[in-house]
């Protein structure tokens, strides 16, 4: 077994229907930030102490969370007010909000250009929203301003950035593609990568190997060459996936599956599934602490996090 359960962390009860969305670890301070969407808040966990610290409220529909160790910044995407939040761990009260497209979700950041990419999923019920041509917003973090929106072929999912090439990669649900955007030229799509399985969802980058891991609604994990888009491997997943994380040290990929509620663990040297670890039905959100090789799964029914140690 690659993941050993080492404990639980209780989190605030839900204030309304819903649960958790994306999460990210800020390694400098050993803090984990998770979008508690049901509470319109960001829950903060002390990773060193493995305990709940506090919550940051008033983030309507908070969905995406991203941290930058290089710049010392935390980002959130707030679907219900069409904004992103920008703050530092030392000054949560100094949070700044920037308006973006309709229903922002996925986030990726380029520390070199200080630009944040925001994948907006749009709203088919709202006239004039990004429905036919879903857009990706690019924010100048230094200037706290929206640079512009880039049309893409369909509804976006998650996004990642490759610091070695300077490119953003954005999953598109339908058509099944990955949009590639140059952080230096953030006003157009540089190219599109076709994905041979329906519903690209979770996305992770193996920078050293030059690979993209794309978990798809079609219950497959697709591995592609980041530079060419060539398909390198297709593997089965236990169900419809959501969030995925890559552990570059252990060479493990963690895939969250909400139904039946488990984490599929893949050995990325062979792309073989080496474990399926039970969590809780609806647990679609993970976080990974590279400093401690711990994986967190967020449990919506019991509003807590279960913590696993990757023993390799």
C-alpha atoms as a PDB file:
ATOM      1  CA  UNK A   1       0.000   0.000   0.000  1.00  0.00           C
ATOM      2  CA  UNK A   2       1.547   3.296  -1.056  1.00  0.00           C
ATOM      3  CA  UNK A   3      -0.725   5.514   1.089  1.00  0.00           C
ATOM      4  CA  UNK A   4      -0.977   4.947   4.838  1.00  0.00           C
ATOM      5  CA  UNK A   5      -3.787   6.740   6.649  1.00  0.00           C
ATOM      6  CA  UNK A   6      -2.363   8.715   9.555  1.00  0.00           C
ATOM      7  CA  UNK A   7      -5.288  10.780  10.806  1.00  0.00           C
ATOM      8  CA  UNK A   8      -8.258  13.096  10.338  1.00  0.00           C
ATOM      9  CA  UNK A   9      -8.631  16.858  10.615  1.00  0.00           C
ATOM     10  CA  UNK A  10     -12.064  18.197  11.520  1.00  0.00           C
ATOM     11  CA  UNK A  11     -13.193  21.242   9.527  1.00  0.00           C
ATOM     12  CA  UNK A  12     -16.141  23.616  10.049  1.00  0.00           C
ATOM     13  CA  UNK A  13     -19.587  22.156   9.270  1.00  0.00           C
ATOM     14  CA  UNK A  14     -21.222  23.156   5.988  1.00  0.00           C
ATOM     15  CA  UNK A  15     -23.442  26.227   6.172  1.00  0.00           C
ATOM     16  CA  UNK A  16     -25.390  25.181   3.072  1.00  0.00           C
ATOM     17  CA  UNK A  17     -25.471  22.296   0.580  1.00  0.00           C
ATOM     18  CA  UNK A  18     -22.182  21.573  -1.119  1.00  0.00           C
ATOM     19  CA  UNK A  19     -18.731  20.752   0.059  1.00  0.00           C
ATOM     20  CA  UNK A  20     -15.127  21.411  -0.859  1.00  0.00           C
ATOM     21  CA  UNK A  21     -13.408  22.306  -4.105  1.00  0.00           C
ATOM     22  CA  UNK A  22      -9.725  22.803  -4.941  1.00  0.00           C
ATOM     23  CA  UNK A  23      -6.886  23.004  -2.418  1.00  0.00           C
ATOM     24  CA  UNK A  24      -3.196  23.925  -2.393  1.00  0.00           C
ATOM     25  CA  UNK A  25      -0.269  23.865   0.041  1.00  0.00           C
ATOM     26  CA  UNK A  26       1.955  26.874   0.751  1.00  0.00           C
ATOM     27  CA  UNK A  27       5.191  25.133   1.673  1.00  0.00           C
ATOM     28  CA  UNK A  28       7.030  28.112   3.234  1.00  0.00           C
ATOM     29  CA  UNK A  29       4.548  28.313   6.100  1.00  0.00           C
ATOM     30  CA  UNK A  30       3.310  24.694   6.051  1.00  0.00           C
ATOM     31  CA  UNK A  31      -0.223  25.892   5.398  1.00  0.00           C
ATOM     32  CA  UNK A  32      -2.907  24.212   3.368  1.00  0.00           C
ATOM     33  CA  UNK A  33      -5.728  26.277   1.865  1.00  0.00           C
ATOM     34  CA  UNK A  34      -8.910  24.500   0.781  1.00  0.00           C
ATOM     35  CA  UNK A  35     -11.947  26.050  -0.890  1.00  0.00           C
ATOM     36  CA  UNK A  36     -14.882  25.338   1.430  1.00  0.00           C
ATOM     37  CA  UNK A  37     -17.441  26.242  -1.209  1.00  0.00           C
ATOM     38  CA  UNK A  38     -20.427  25.405   0.986  1.00  0.00           C
ATOM     39  CA  UNK A  39     -19.251  28.109   3.425  1.00  0.00           C
ATOM     40  CA  UNK A  40     -17.996  30.698   0.884  1.00  0.00           C
ATOM     41  CA  UNK A  41     -14.717  30.476   2.780  1.00  0.00           C
ATOM     42  CA  UNK A  42     -11.135  29.307   2.584  1.00  0.00           C
ATOM     43  CA  UNK A  43     -10.265  26.847   5.362  1.00  0.00           C
ATOM     44  CA  UNK A  44      -6.633  26.970   6.522  1.00  0.00           C
ATOM     45  CA  UNK A  45      -4.846  23.893   7.884  1.00  0.00           C
ATOM     46  CA  UNK A  46      -1.560  23.823   9.792  1.00  0.00           C
ATOM     47  CA  UNK A  47       0.295  21.011   7.985  1.00  0.00           C
ATOM     48  CA  UNK A  48       3.063  20.733  10.583  1.00  0.00           C
ATOM     49  CA  UNK A  49       0.560  20.347  13.422  1.00  0.00           C
ATOM     50  CA  UNK A  50      -2.000  18.472  11.285  1.00  0.00           C
ATOM     51  CA  UNK A  51      -4.839  20.616  12.606  1.00  0.00           C
ATOM     52  CA  UNK A  52      -7.392  23.196  11.495  1.00  0.00           C
ATOM     53  CA  UNK A  53      -6.195  26.774  11.989  1.00  0.00           C
ATOM     54  CA  UNK A  54      -8.886  29.213  10.852  1.00  0.00           C
ATOM     55  CA  UNK A  55     -11.098  30.232   7.943  1.00  0.00           C
ATOM     56  CA  UNK A  56     -11.022  33.211   5.590  1.00  0.00           C
ATOM     57  CA  UNK A  57     -14.670  34.202   4.973  1.00  0.00           C
ATOM     58  CA  UNK A  58     -16.615  36.219   2.362  1.00  0.00           C
ATOM     59  CA  UNK A  59     -15.388  34.458  -0.777  1.00  0.00           C
ATOM     60  CA  UNK A  60     -18.655  33.808  -2.666  1.00  0.00           C
ATOM     61  CA  UNK A  61     -18.582  30.477  -4.461  1.00  0.00           C
ATOM     62  CA  UNK A  62     -14.850  29.999  -3.888  1.00  0.00           C
ATOM     63  CA  UNK A  63     -13.659  27.215  -6.197  1.00  0.00           C
ATOM     64  CA  UNK A  64      -9.997  27.369  -7.243  1.00  0.00           C
ATOM     65  CA  UNK A  65      -7.019  27.800  -4.926  1.00  0.00           C
ATOM     66  CA  UNK A  66      -3.399  28.266  -5.955  1.00  0.00           C
ATOM     67  CA  UNK A  67      -0.203  29.224  -4.116  1.00  0.00           C
ATOM     68  CA  UNK A  68       3.091  30.680  -5.348  1.00  0.00           C
ATOM     69  CA  UNK A  69       6.143  30.025  -3.205  1.00  0.00           C
ATOM     70  CA  UNK A  70       8.333  32.085  -5.549  1.00  0.00           C
ATOM     71  CA  UNK A  71       6.274  35.235  -5.064  1.00  0.00           C
ATOM     72  CA  UNK A  72       4.648  34.476  -1.703  1.00  0.00           C
ATOM     73  CA  UNK A  73       1.074  34.847  -2.984  1.00  0.00           C
ATOM     74  CA  UNK A  74      -2.217  32.988  -2.539  1.00  0.00           C
ATOM     75  CA  UNK A  75      -4.939  33.079  -5.205  1.00  0.00           C
ATOM     76  CA  UNK A  76      -8.597  32.029  -5.183  1.00  0.00           C
ATOM     77  CA  UNK A  77     -11.271  32.018  -7.875  1.00  0.00           C
ATOM     78  CA  UNK A  78     -14.707  33.118  -6.673  1.00  0.00           C
ATOM     79  CA  UNK A  79     -17.423  31.830  -8.994  1.00  0.00           C
ATOM     80  CA  UNK A  80     -20.374  33.677  -7.511  1.00  0.00           C
ATOM     81  CA  UNK A  81     -18.875  37.151  -7.902  1.00  0.00           C
ATOM     82  CA  UNK A  82     -16.696  36.594 -11.010  1.00  0.00           C
ATOM     83  CA  UNK A  83     -13.479  37.613  -9.288  1.00  0.00           C
ATOM     84  CA  UNK A  84     -10.107  36.273  -8.264  1.00  0.00           C
ATOM     85  CA  UNK A  85      -8.614  37.090  -4.861  1.00  0.00           C
ATOM     86  CA  UNK A  86      -4.936  37.865  -4.346  1.00  0.00           C
ATOM     87  CA  UNK A  87      -3.309  38.033  -0.912  1.00  0.00           C
ATOM     88  CA  UNK A  88      -0.183  37.086   1.026  1.00  0.00           C
ATOM     89  CA  UNK A  89      -0.107  34.645   3.958  1.00  0.00           C
ATOM     90  CA  UNK A  90       1.059  37.458   6.245  1.00  0.00           C
ATOM     91  CA  UNK A  91      -1.711  39.856   5.253  1.00  0.00           C
ATOM     92  CA  UNK A  92      -5.033  38.137   4.670  1.00  0.00           C
ATOM     93  CA  UNK A  93      -6.866  41.382   5.465  1.00  0.00           C
ATOM     94  CA  UNK A  94      -5.048  43.080   2.590  1.00  0.00           C
ATOM     95  CA  UNK A  95      -6.729  40.824   0.047  1.00  0.00           C
ATOM     96  CA  UNK A  96      -7.325  42.388  -3.389  1.00  0.00           C
ATOM     97  CA  UNK A  97     -10.013  41.245  -5.825  1.00  0.00           C
ATOM     98  CA  UNK A  98      -9.854  41.511  -9.607  1.00  0.00           C
ATOM     99  CA  UNK A  99     -12.872  41.050 -11.860  1.00  0.00           C
ATOM    100  CA  UNK A 100     -12.538  38.310 -14.487  1.00  0.00           C
ATOM    101  CA  UNK A 101     -14.871  36.290 -16.740  1.00  0.00           C
ATOM    102  CA  UNK A 102     -18.042  34.417 -15.875  1.00  0.00           C
ATOM    103  CA  UNK A 103     -17.697  31.758 -13.146  1.00  0.00           C
ATOM    104  CA  UNK A 104     -13.919  31.512 -12.760  1.00  0.00           C
ATOM    105  CA  UNK A 105     -12.565  28.129 -11.737  1.00  0.00           C
ATOM    106  CA  UNK A 106      -9.142  26.836 -12.781  1.00  0.00           C
ATOM    107  CA  UNK A 107      -5.983  28.792 -11.933  1.00  0.00           C
ATOM    108  CA  UNK A 108      -2.390  28.672 -13.164  1.00  0.00           C
ATOM    109  CA  UNK A 109       0.424  31.124 -12.442  1.00  0.00           C
ATOM    110  CA  UNK A 110       3.658  32.121 -14.160  1.00  0.00           C
ATOM    111  CA  UNK A 111       6.030  33.611 -11.574  1.00  0.00           C
ATOM    112  CA  UNK A 112       8.440  34.838 -14.264  1.00  0.00           C
ATOM    113  CA  UNK A 113       5.886  37.163 -15.900  1.00  0.00           C
ATOM    114  CA  UNK A 114       3.762  37.564 -12.735  1.00  0.00           C
ATOM    115  CA  UNK A 115       0.660  36.581 -14.699  1.00  0.00           C
ATOM    116  CA  UNK A 116      -2.285  34.561 -13.459  1.00  0.00           C
ATOM    117  CA  UNK A 117      -4.380  32.551 -15.895  1.00  0.00           C
ATOM    118  CA  UNK A 118      -8.030  32.060 -14.912  1.00  0.00           C
ATOM    119  CA  UNK A 119     -10.165  29.445 -16.648  1.00  0.00           C
ATOM    120  CA  UNK A 120     -13.787  30.645 -16.682  1.00  0.00           C
ATOM    121  CA  UNK A 121     -16.476  27.983 -17.119  1.00  0.00           C
ATOM    122  CA  UNK A 122     -19.244  30.411 -18.145  1.00  0.00           C
ATOM    123  CA  UNK A 123     -22.970  30.161 -17.418  1.00  0.00           C
ATOM    124  CA  UNK A 124     -25.401  28.938 -20.112  1.00  0.00           C
ATOM    125  CA  UNK A 125     -28.319  30.554 -18.243  1.00  0.00           C
ATOM    126  CA  UNK A 126     -26.892  34.063 -18.479  1.00  0.00           C
ATOM    127  CA  UNK A 127     -27.178  35.896 -21.783  1.00  0.00           C
ATOM    128  CA  UNK A 128     -23.857  37.309 -22.892  1.00  0.00           C
ATOM    129  CA  UNK A 129     -21.776  35.053 -20.666  1.00  0.00           C
ATOM    130  CA  UNK A 130     -18.954  33.003 -22.065  1.00  0.00           C
ATOM    131  CA  UNK A 131     -21.134  30.175 -23.343  1.00  0.00           C
ATOM    132  CA  UNK A 132     -20.299  29.555 -26.970  1.00  0.00           C
ATOM    133  CA  UNK A 133     -16.803  30.924 -26.671  1.00  0.00           C
ATOM    134  CA  UNK A 134     -15.639  30.204 -23.150  1.00  0.00           C
ATOM    135  CA  UNK A 135     -12.727  32.432 -22.270  1.00  0.00           C
ATOM    136  CA  UNK A 136      -9.560  32.306 -20.287  1.00  0.00           C
ATOM    137  CA  UNK A 137      -8.750  35.473 -18.357  1.00  0.00           C
ATOM    138  CA  UNK A 138      -5.169  36.590 -17.839  1.00  0.00           C
ATOM    139  CA  UNK A 139      -4.468  38.847 -14.858  1.00  0.00           C
ATOM    140  CA  UNK A 140      -1.436  41.096 -14.381  1.00  0.00           C
ATOM    141  CA  UNK A 141      -0.837  40.311 -10.713  1.00  0.00           C
ATOM    142  CA  UNK A 142       1.586  43.192 -10.176  1.00  0.00           C
ATOM    143  CA  UNK A 143      -0.830  45.712 -11.647  1.00  0.00           C
ATOM    144  CA  UNK A 144      -3.868  43.949 -10.118  1.00  0.00           C
ATOM    145  CA  UNK A 145      -5.653  44.261 -13.473  1.00  0.00           C
ATOM    146  CA  UNK A 146      -7.241  42.067 -16.139  1.00  0.00           C
ATOM    147  CA  UNK A 147      -5.159  41.947 -19.308  1.00  0.00           C
ATOM    148  CA  UNK A 148      -7.848  40.343 -21.418  1.00  0.00           C
ATOM    149  CA  UNK A 149      -9.881  37.265 -22.316  1.00  0.00           C
ATOM    150  CA  UNK A 150      -8.843  34.558 -24.752  1.00  0.00           C
ATOM    151  CA  UNK A 151     -11.606  32.598 -26.547  1.00  0.00           C
ATOM    152  CA  UNK A 152     -11.278  28.812 -26.349  1.00  0.00           C
ATOM    153  CA  UNK A 153     -13.463  26.140 -28.014  1.00  0.00           C
ATOM    154  CA  UNK A 154     -15.512  25.020 -24.994  1.00  0.00           C
ATOM    155  CA  UNK A 155     -15.998  24.862 -21.231  1.00  0.00           C
ATOM    156  CA  UNK A 156     -12.724  24.883 -19.354  1.00  0.00           C
ATOM    157  CA  UNK A 157     -11.696  22.646 -16.475  1.00  0.00           C
ATOM    158  CA  UNK A 158      -8.352  22.846 -14.612  1.00  0.00           C
ATOM    159  CA  UNK A 159      -5.141  24.541 -15.753  1.00  0.00           C
ATOM    160  CA  UNK A 160      -1.392  24.201 -15.096  1.00  0.00           C
ATOM    161  CA  UNK A 161       1.773  26.120 -15.952  1.00  0.00           C
ATOM    162  CA  UNK A 162       5.099  24.748 -17.165  1.00  0.00           C
ATOM    163  CA  UNK A 163       7.920  27.018 -15.980  1.00  0.00           C
ATOM    164  CA  UNK A 164      10.473  25.409 -18.312  1.00  0.00           C
ATOM    165  CA  UNK A 165       8.555  26.298 -21.484  1.00  0.00           C
ATOM    166  CA  UNK A 166       6.560  29.263 -20.178  1.00  0.00           C
ATOM    167  CA  UNK A 167       3.277  27.764 -21.420  1.00  0.00           C
ATOM    168  CA  UNK A 168      -0.100  27.443 -19.737  1.00  0.00           C
ATOM    169  CA  UNK A 169      -2.147  24.303 -20.400  1.00  0.00           C
ATOM    170  CA  UNK A 170      -5.940  24.431 -19.985  1.00  0.00           C
ATOM    171  CA  UNK A 171      -8.276  21.421 -20.080  1.00  0.00           C
ATOM    172  CA  UNK A 172     -11.409  21.804 -22.224  1.00  0.00           C
ATOM    173  CA  UNK A 173     -14.290  19.438 -21.502  1.00  0.00           C
ATOM    174  CA  UNK A 174     -15.906  19.442 -24.961  1.00  0.00           C
ATOM    175  CA  UNK A 175     -14.384  19.245 -27.487  1.00  0.00           C
ATOM    176  CA  UNK A 176     -11.841  17.084 -25.648  1.00  0.00           C
ATOM    177  CA  UNK A 177      -8.768  19.261 -25.973  1.00  0.00           C
ATOM    178  CA  UNK A 178      -6.019  21.040 -24.069  1.00  0.00           C
ATOM    179  CA  UNK A 179      -5.469  24.696 -24.975  1.00  0.00           C
ATOM    180  CA  UNK A 180      -1.851  25.865 -24.907  1.00  0.00           C
ATOM    181  CA  UNK A 181      -1.188  29.556 -24.149  1.00  0.00           C
ATOM    182  CA  UNK A 182       2.164  31.345 -24.111  1.00  0.00           C
ATOM    183  CA  UNK A 183       2.551  33.437 -20.930  1.00  0.00           C
ATOM    184  CA  UNK A 184       4.611  35.922 -22.968  1.00  0.00           C
ATOM    185  CA  UNK A 185       1.781  36.313 -25.513  1.00  0.00           C
ATOM    186  CA  UNK A 186      -1.364  35.929 -23.406  1.00  0.00           C
ATOM    187  CA  UNK A 187      -3.888  37.135 -25.972  1.00  0.00           C
ATOM    188  CA  UNK A 188      -4.370  34.037 -28.097  1.00  0.00           C
ATOM    189  CA  UNK A 189      -4.249  30.259 -28.037  1.00  0.00           C
ATOM    190  CA  UNK A 190      -0.883  29.089 -29.346  1.00  0.00           C
ATOM    191  CA  UNK A 191      -2.145  25.607 -30.223  1.00  0.00           C
ATOM    192  CA  UNK A 192      -4.663  22.935 -29.285  1.00  0.00           C
ATOM    193  CA  UNK A 193      -3.911  19.363 -28.229  1.00  0.00           C
ATOM    194  CA  UNK A 194      -6.552  16.739 -29.001  1.00  0.00           C
ATOM    195  CA  UNK A 195      -7.307  14.335 -26.145  1.00  0.00           C
ATOM    196  CA  UNK A 196      -8.565  10.887 -27.269  1.00  0.00           C
ATOM    197  CA  UNK A 197     -10.954  10.428 -24.310  1.00  0.00           C
ATOM    198  CA  UNK A 198     -14.080  12.406 -23.452  1.00  0.00           C
ATOM    199  CA  UNK A 199     -14.138  15.099 -20.758  1.00  0.00           C
ATOM    200  CA  UNK A 200     -10.595  16.183 -19.838  1.00  0.00           C
ATOM    201  CA  UNK A 201     -10.875  17.153 -16.158  1.00  0.00           C
ATOM    202  CA  UNK A 202      -7.918  16.900 -13.759  1.00  0.00           C
ATOM    203  CA  UNK A 203      -4.554  18.053 -15.097  1.00  0.00           C
ATOM    204  CA  UNK A 204      -1.004  17.771 -13.749  1.00  0.00           C
ATOM    205  CA  UNK A 205       2.461  18.484 -15.149  1.00  0.00           C
ATOM    206  CA  UNK A 206       5.610  16.370 -14.999  1.00  0.00           C
ATOM    207  CA  UNK A 207       8.067  19.171 -15.786  1.00  0.00           C
ATOM    208  CA  UNK A 208      11.176  16.996 -15.746  1.00  0.00           C
ATOM    209  CA  UNK A 209       9.632  14.357 -17.992  1.00  0.00           C
ATOM    210  CA  UNK A 210       7.877  16.859 -20.250  1.00  0.00           C
ATOM    211  CA  UNK A 211       4.551  15.085 -19.737  1.00  0.00           C
ATOM    212  CA  UNK A 212       0.959  16.085 -19.095  1.00  0.00           C
ATOM    213  CA  UNK A 213      -1.296  13.811 -17.041  1.00  0.00           C
ATOM    214  CA  UNK A 214      -4.939  14.321 -18.007  1.00  0.00           C
ATOM    215  CA  UNK A 215      -7.686  12.532 -16.034  1.00  0.00           C
ATOM    216  CA  UNK A 216     -10.856  12.310 -18.120  1.00  0.00           C
ATOM    217  CA  UNK A 217     -14.570  11.843 -17.436  1.00  0.00           C
ATOM    218  CA  UNK A 218     -14.348   8.804 -19.709  1.00  0.00           C
ATOM    219  CA  UNK A 219     -12.650   7.036 -16.750  1.00  0.00           C
ATOM    220  CA  UNK A 220      -9.221   7.108 -18.326  1.00  0.00           C
ATOM    221  CA  UNK A 221      -5.890   8.666 -17.427  1.00  0.00           C
ATOM    222  CA  UNK A 222      -4.162   9.971 -20.557  1.00  0.00           C
ATOM    223  CA  UNK A 223      -0.440  10.778 -20.619  1.00  0.00           C
ATOM    224  CA  UNK A 224       0.696  13.181 -23.350  1.00  0.00           C
ATOM    225  CA  UNK A 225       3.974  14.737 -24.450  1.00  0.00           C
ATOM    226  CA  UNK A 226       3.665  18.401 -23.478  1.00  0.00           C
ATOM    227  CA  UNK A 227       5.678  19.663 -26.443  1.00  0.00           C
ATOM    228  CA  UNK A 228       4.009  17.681 -29.228  1.00  0.00           C
ATOM    229  CA  UNK A 229       0.715  16.486 -27.756  1.00  0.00           C
ATOM    230  CA  UNK A 230       1.546  12.887 -28.671  1.00  0.00           C
ATOM    231  CA  UNK A 231      -0.337  10.292 -26.612  1.00  0.00           C
ATOM    232  CA  UNK A 232       2.091   8.186 -24.580  1.00  0.00           C
ATOM    233  CA  UNK A 233      -0.254   6.094 -22.443  1.00  0.00           C
ATOM    234  CA  UNK A 234      -3.923   5.511 -21.578  1.00  0.00           C
ATOM    235  CA  UNK A 235      -4.832   3.797 -18.292  1.00  0.00           C
ATOM    236  CA  UNK A 236      -8.108   2.897 -16.547  1.00  0.00           C
ATOM    237  CA  UNK A 237      -9.411   4.885 -13.551  1.00  0.00           C
ATOM    238  CA  UNK A 238     -11.873   3.587 -10.900  1.00  0.00           C
ATOM    239  CA  UNK A 239     -14.548   6.130 -11.850  1.00  0.00           C
ATOM    240  CA  UNK A 240     -15.087   9.678 -13.068  1.00  0.00           C
ATOM    241  CA  UNK A 241     -12.067  11.654 -11.807  1.00  0.00           C
ATOM    242  CA  UNK A 242     -11.627  15.188 -10.573  1.00  0.00           C
ATOM    243  CA  UNK A 243      -8.491  16.617  -8.939  1.00  0.00           C
ATOM    244  CA  UNK A 244      -5.071  15.038  -9.580  1.00  0.00           C
ATOM    245  CA  UNK A 245      -1.604  15.721  -8.115  1.00  0.00           C
ATOM    246  CA  UNK A 246       1.865  14.567  -9.161  1.00  0.00           C
ATOM    247  CA  UNK A 247       4.517  13.619  -6.602  1.00  0.00           C
ATOM    248  CA  UNK A 248       7.791  14.142  -8.474  1.00  0.00           C
ATOM    249  CA  UNK A 249       9.932  12.574  -5.735  1.00  0.00           C
ATOM    250  CA  UNK A 250       7.938   9.381  -5.262  1.00  0.00           C
ATOM    251  CA  UNK A 251       6.980   9.260  -8.971  1.00  0.00           C
ATOM    252  CA  UNK A 252       3.360   8.822  -7.949  1.00  0.00           C
ATOM    253  CA  UNK A 253       0.201  10.370  -9.362  1.00  0.00           C
ATOM    254  CA  UNK A 254      -2.872  10.710  -7.141  1.00  0.00           C
ATOM    255  CA  UNK A 255      -6.312  10.755  -8.791  1.00  0.00           C
ATOM    256  CA  UNK A 256      -9.426  11.669  -6.781  1.00  0.00           C
ATOM    257  CA  UNK A 257     -12.565   9.723  -7.716  1.00  0.00           C
ATOM    258  CA  UNK A 258     -15.754  10.996  -6.066  1.00  0.00           C
ATOM    259  CA  UNK A 259     -17.838   7.911  -6.846  1.00  0.00           C
ATOM    260  CA  UNK A 260     -17.306   5.430  -5.251  1.00  0.00           C
ATOM    261  CA  UNK A 261     -14.922   7.631  -3.217  1.00  0.00           C
ATOM    262  CA  UNK A 262     -11.271   6.695  -3.521  1.00  0.00           C
ATOM    263  CA  UNK A 263      -7.783   7.762  -4.585  1.00  0.00           C
ATOM    264  CA  UNK A 264      -6.181   5.886  -7.463  1.00  0.00           C
ATOM    265  CA  UNK A 265      -2.386   5.888  -7.140  1.00  0.00           C
ATOM    266  CA  UNK A 266      -0.281   5.441 -10.285  1.00  0.00           C
ATOM    267  CA  UNK A 267       3.424   4.679 -10.605  1.00  0.00           C
ATOM    268  CA  UNK A 268       4.415   7.236 -13.245  1.00  0.00           C
ATOM    269  CA  UNK A 269       7.529   5.270 -14.219  1.00  0.00           C
ATOM    270  CA  UNK A 270       5.341   2.469 -15.568  1.00  0.00           C
ATOM    271  CA  UNK A 271       1.922   4.227 -15.629  1.00  0.00           C
ATOM    272  CA  UNK A 272       0.485   1.253 -13.749  1.00  0.00           C
ATOM    273  CA  UNK A 273      -2.146   1.727 -11.053  1.00  0.00           C
ATOM    274  CA  UNK A 274      -0.544   0.454  -7.854  1.00  0.00           C
ATOM    275  CA  UNK A 275      -3.287   1.188  -5.308  1.00  0.00           C
ATOM    276  CA  UNK A 276      -6.891   2.250  -4.872  1.00  0.00           C
ATOM    277  CA  UNK A 277      -7.393   3.834  -1.452  1.00  0.00           C
ATOM    278  CA  UNK A 278     -10.945   4.322  -0.061  1.00  0.00           C
ATOM    279  CA  UNK A 279     -11.963   7.826   1.077  1.00  0.00           C
ATOM    280  CA  UNK A 280     -15.660   8.828   1.172  1.00  0.00           C
ATOM    281  CA  UNK A 281     -18.351   9.158  -1.472  1.00  0.00           C
ATOM    282  CA  UNK A 282     -18.180  12.610  -3.020  1.00  0.00           C
ATOM    283  CA  UNK A 283     -14.535  13.158  -2.033  1.00  0.00           C
ATOM    284  CA  UNK A 284     -13.320  14.764  -5.261  1.00  0.00           C
ATOM    285  CA  UNK A 285     -10.735  17.155  -3.805  1.00  0.00           C
ATOM    286  CA  UNK A 286      -7.133  16.430  -2.881  1.00  0.00           C
ATOM    287  CA  UNK A 287      -4.098  18.358  -1.692  1.00  0.00           C
ATOM    288  CA  UNK A 288      -0.467  17.283  -1.711  1.00  0.00           C
ATOM    289  CA  UNK A 289       2.248  18.447   0.691  1.00  0.00           C
ATOM    290  CA  UNK A 290       5.562  17.766  -1.069  1.00  0.00           C
ATOM    291  CA  UNK A 291       7.537  18.684   2.060  1.00  0.00           C
ATOM    292  CA  UNK A 292       6.030  15.835   4.074  1.00  0.00           C
ATOM    293  CA  UNK A 293       4.851  13.503   1.293  1.00  0.00           C
ATOM    294  CA  UNK A 294       1.328  13.687   2.670  1.00  0.00           C
ATOM    295  CA  UNK A 295      -1.915  13.586   0.727  1.00  0.00           C
ATOM    296  CA  UNK A 296      -5.154  15.133   1.981  1.00  0.00           C
ATOM    297  CA  UNK A 297      -8.603  14.053   0.800  1.00  0.00           C
ATOM    298  CA  UNK A 298     -11.536  16.290   1.711  1.00  0.00           C
ATOM    299  CA  UNK A 299     -14.671  14.471   2.835  1.00  0.00           C
ATOM    300  CA  UNK A 300     -17.913  16.368   2.131  1.00  0.00           C
ATOM    301  CA  UNK A 301     -20.266  14.152   4.134  1.00  0.00           C
ATOM    302  CA  UNK A 302     -18.264  14.343   7.374  1.00  0.00           C
ATOM    303  CA  UNK A 303     -16.709  17.818   6.675  1.00  0.00           C
ATOM    304  CA  UNK A 304     -13.177  16.777   7.523  1.00  0.00           C
ATOM    305  CA  UNK A 305      -9.899  15.880   5.835  1.00  0.00           C
ATOM    306  CA  UNK A 306      -8.309  12.458   5.932  1.00  0.00           C
ATOM    307  CA  UNK A 307      -4.511  12.519   5.839  1.00  0.00           C
ATOM    308  CA  UNK A 308      -2.313   9.886   4.185  1.00  0.00           C
ATOM    309  CA  UNK A 309       1.444   9.402   4.207  1.00  0.00           C
ATOM    310  CA  UNK A 310       3.043   8.225   0.970  1.00  0.00           C
ATOM    311  CA  UNK A 311       5.559   5.624   2.066  1.00  0.00           C
ATOM    312  CA  UNK A 312       6.765   4.885  -1.499  1.00  0.00           C
END
